[in-house]
Amino acid sequence: MDVADTRIRSVTLGRARAARPDFADVAAAELDGVHRYLVHMLRDPVLAEDVTSATFERALRDWRRYDPAKGRPGVWLIEIARRQALDHLRSEGRRRRREERFAAMEPRSAPEPRVAGIPEEMRVAMTALTQSERELVALRIVLGVDTAEAARITGTTPSAVSTALHRALAKLRTRLQDVVDV
């Protein structure tokens, strides 16, 4: 065997070792690790779930860019997760500053708006929701906007809208049961 044959063999073996795995297999194997990393980084399990979802959504879109020769898929996913988490934290900081500026301009004693057709129990239960949760309930349930449109309006992903709406409705259910039981 000469030097050219050895070089061709090593390139062929290198390609065989660097074969692209199936995304579904990688996602199943790495999901827990990525989620644990995000829980540690963000210190909020609910937020970590949302960012994990966004991470895998992004990874699926970018899967064709993954190069097995450059490293393990788990490391590539953690890099995406880190960028997603940092992007979320930056945008959350900007949103919070905007809301604080807006709140500073608003009168402090504004009454809770009364909306015709909403029972008092529901209005009371809605106070348990955050502003963004109330917005999602208004968009999806009251206005009937679909998930993709709600995501576009709120600047999030459809999966984030679905997850947040599910949690908001669960809070409402719990709160309404508490109101009815009293």
Protein backbone atom coordinates (compact mmCIF):
# COMPACT_ATOMS: atom_id res chain seq x y z
CA MET A 1 0.00 0.00 0.00
CA ASP A 2 1.51 3.35 -0.98
CA VAL A 3 1.11 6.83 0.52
CA ALA A 4 -1.76 7.79 -1.84
CA ASP A 5 -3.76 4.70 -0.82
CA THR A 6 -3.18 5.50 2.86
CA ARG A 7 -4.36 9.08 2.38
CA ILE A 8 -7.49 7.97 0.51
CA ARG A 9 -8.26 5.39 3.21
CA SER A 10 -7.89 7.93 6.03
CA VAL A 11 -10.17 10.39 4.21
CA THR A 12 -12.71 7.63 3.60
CA LEU A 13 -12.56 6.50 7.23
CA GLY A 14 -12.83 10.12 8.39
CA ARG A 15 -15.97 10.54 6.32
CA ALA A 16 -17.42 7.32 7.68
CA ARG A 17 -16.81 8.47 11.24
CA ALA A 18 -18.28 11.87 10.45
CA ALA A 19 -21.50 10.52 8.92
CA ARG A 20 -24.49 12.70 9.63
CA PRO A 21 -26.77 11.13 12.24
CA ASP A 22 -30.53 11.36 11.97
CA PHE A 23 -31.92 14.52 13.63
CA ALA A 24 -34.67 12.61 15.46
CA ASP A 25 -32.08 10.29 17.04
CA VAL A 26 -29.89 13.23 18.09
CA ALA A 27 -32.88 15.14 19.48
CA ALA A 28 -34.04 12.13 21.51
CA ALA A 29 -30.54 11.51 22.87
CA GLU A 30 -29.72 15.13 23.72
CA LEU A 31 -33.06 16.58 24.86
CA ASP A 32 -32.56 15.98 28.59
CA GLY A 33 -28.99 17.30 28.57
CA VAL A 34 -29.95 20.49 26.73
CA HIS A 35 -32.89 21.04 29.09
CA ARG A 36 -30.71 20.51 32.19
CA TYR A 37 -28.16 22.97 30.82
CA LEU A 38 -30.87 25.59 30.26
CA VAL A 39 -32.41 25.06 33.71
CA HIS A 40 -28.99 25.66 35.20
CA MET A 41 -28.32 28.69 33.00
CA LEU A 42 -31.75 30.34 33.30
CA ARG A 43 -32.65 29.17 36.84
CA ASP A 44 -36.28 28.81 35.80
CA PRO A 45 -37.60 25.38 34.75
CA VAL A 46 -40.62 26.79 32.90
CA LEU A 47 -38.51 29.25 30.94
CA ALA A 48 -35.97 26.48 30.28
CA GLU A 49 -38.75 24.39 28.70
CA ASP A 50 -39.65 27.26 26.38
CA VAL A 51 -36.03 27.89 25.40
CA THR A 52 -35.43 24.14 24.95
CA SER A 53 -38.36 24.07 22.53
CA ALA A 54 -36.96 27.07 20.65
CA THR A 55 -33.52 25.42 20.60
CA PHE A 56 -34.74 22.25 18.94
CA GLU A 57 -36.94 24.20 16.57
CA ARG A 58 -33.87 26.22 15.51
CA ALA A 59 -31.69 23.10 15.34
CA LEU A 60 -34.16 21.38 13.04
CA ARG A 61 -34.17 24.39 10.70
CA ASP A 62 -30.35 24.53 10.74
CA TRP A 63 -29.68 20.75 10.68
CA ARG A 64 -28.26 20.93 7.15
CA ARG A 65 -25.53 23.24 8.51
CA TYR A 66 -24.38 20.77 11.16
CA ASP A 67 -20.96 19.35 10.26
CA PRO A 68 -20.22 16.07 12.06
CA ALA A 69 -16.50 16.54 11.38
CA LYS A 70 -16.45 19.63 13.62
CA GLY A 71 -17.85 17.99 16.73
CA ARG A 72 -20.54 16.02 18.44
CA PRO A 73 -24.17 17.01 17.84
CA GLY A 74 -24.71 17.50 21.58
CA VAL A 75 -22.14 20.27 21.66
CA TRP A 76 -23.69 21.86 18.59
CA LEU A 77 -27.11 21.78 20.29
CA ILE A 78 -25.71 23.33 23.49
CA GLU A 79 -24.22 26.16 21.41
CA ILE A 80 -27.65 26.81 19.90
CA ALA A 81 -29.29 26.56 23.34
CA ARG A 82 -26.85 29.10 24.76
CA ARG A 83 -27.55 31.56 21.92
CA GLN A 84 -31.31 31.05 22.33
CA ALA A 85 -31.07 31.66 26.10
CA LEU A 86 -28.95 34.78 25.71
CA ASP A 87 -31.26 36.13 23.00
CA HIS A 88 -34.24 35.52 25.28
CA LEU A 89 -32.57 37.23 28.25
CA ARG A 90 -31.61 40.24 26.13
CA SER A 91 -35.07 40.60 24.62
CA GLU A 92 -36.70 40.10 28.02
CA GLY A 93 -34.52 42.89 29.43
CA ARG A 94 -35.51 45.21 26.60
CA ARG A 95 -39.19 44.32 27.04
CA ARG A 96 -39.00 44.91 30.78
CA ARG A 97 -37.38 48.34 30.28
CA ARG A 98 -40.07 49.29 27.73
CA GLU A 99 -42.83 48.23 30.11
CA GLU A 100 -41.23 50.16 32.98
CA ARG A 101 -41.02 53.30 30.81
CA PHE A 102 -44.63 52.85 29.76
CA ALA A 103 -45.76 52.17 33.34
CA ALA A 104 -44.03 55.35 34.50
CA MET A 105 -46.20 57.34 32.07
CA GLU A 106 -49.47 55.62 33.05
CA PRO A 107 -51.63 56.86 35.93
CA ARG A 108 -51.12 54.71 39.03
CA SER A 109 -54.77 54.32 39.98
CA ALA A 110 -56.26 53.19 36.68
CA PRO A 111 -59.24 50.92 37.34
CA GLU A 112 -59.33 47.40 35.95
CA PRO A 113 -61.19 47.65 32.64
CA ARG A 114 -64.65 46.09 32.50
CA VAL A 115 -65.32 44.09 29.37
CA ALA A 116 -68.93 43.40 28.50
CA GLY A 117 -69.88 39.75 28.53
CA ILE A 118 -67.09 38.53 30.84
CA PRO A 119 -68.43 37.17 34.12
CA GLU A 120 -67.04 38.60 37.37
CA GLU A 121 -65.49 35.22 38.30
CA MET A 122 -63.54 35.17 35.04
CA ARG A 123 -62.39 38.77 35.48
CA VAL A 124 -61.13 37.93 38.98
CA ALA A 125 -59.43 34.76 37.72
CA MET A 126 -57.68 36.73 34.96
CA THR A 127 -55.82 38.75 37.60
CA ALA A 128 -53.73 35.60 38.28
CA LEU A 129 -52.27 35.83 34.76
CA THR A 130 -49.30 37.90 33.68
CA GLN A 131 -49.73 40.60 31.08
CA SER A 132 -48.31 38.37 28.34
CA GLU A 133 -50.61 35.50 29.35
CA ARG A 134 -53.64 37.79 29.28
CA GLU A 135 -52.55 38.98 25.84
CA LEU A 136 -52.38 35.40 24.54
CA VAL A 137 -55.79 34.56 25.98
CA ALA A 138 -57.21 37.68 24.33
CA LEU A 139 -55.60 36.89 20.98
CA ARG A 140 -56.33 33.18 20.81
CA ILE A 141 -59.59 32.78 22.76
CA VAL A 142 -61.37 36.12 22.58
CA LEU A 143 -60.27 37.24 19.09
CA GLY A 144 -59.81 33.77 17.58
CA VAL A 145 -56.39 34.57 16.07
CA ASP A 146 -54.57 31.38 15.00
CA THR A 147 -51.29 30.29 16.60
CA ALA A 148 -49.04 31.44 13.75
CA GLU A 149 -50.62 34.90 13.72
CA ALA A 150 -50.40 35.17 17.52
CA ALA A 151 -46.72 34.23 17.30
CA ARG A 152 -46.12 36.90 14.68
CA ILE A 153 -47.97 39.51 16.77
CA THR A 154 -46.14 38.69 20.00
CA GLY A 155 -42.76 38.17 18.36
CA THR A 156 -42.41 34.57 19.52
CA THR A 157 -42.66 31.15 17.92
CA PRO A 158 -45.87 29.17 17.43
CA SER A 159 -44.64 26.52 19.87
CA ALA A 160 -43.97 29.19 22.51
CA VAL A 161 -47.49 30.59 21.98
CA SER A 162 -49.05 27.13 22.35
CA THR A 163 -47.05 26.35 25.49
CA ALA A 164 -47.73 29.71 27.14
CA LEU A 165 -51.43 29.55 26.28
CA HIS A 166 -51.68 26.04 27.73
CA ARG A 167 -50.11 27.25 30.99
CA ALA A 168 -52.33 30.34 31.11
CA LEU A 169 -55.48 28.28 30.64
CA ALA A 170 -54.33 25.86 33.35
CA LYS A 171 -53.87 28.83 35.71
CA LEU A 172 -57.34 30.10 34.82
CA ARG A 173 -58.87 26.67 35.44
CA THR A 174 -57.22 26.44 38.85
CA ARG A 175 -58.19 30.00 39.76
CA LEU A 176 -61.80 29.51 38.65
CA GLN A 177 -62.04 26.32 40.72
CA ASP A 178 -60.73 28.26 43.72
CA VAL A 179 -63.32 31.03 43.16
CA VAL A 180 -66.16 28.53 42.76
CA ASP A 181 -65.07 26.56 45.88
CA VAL A 182 -65.10 29.71 48.05
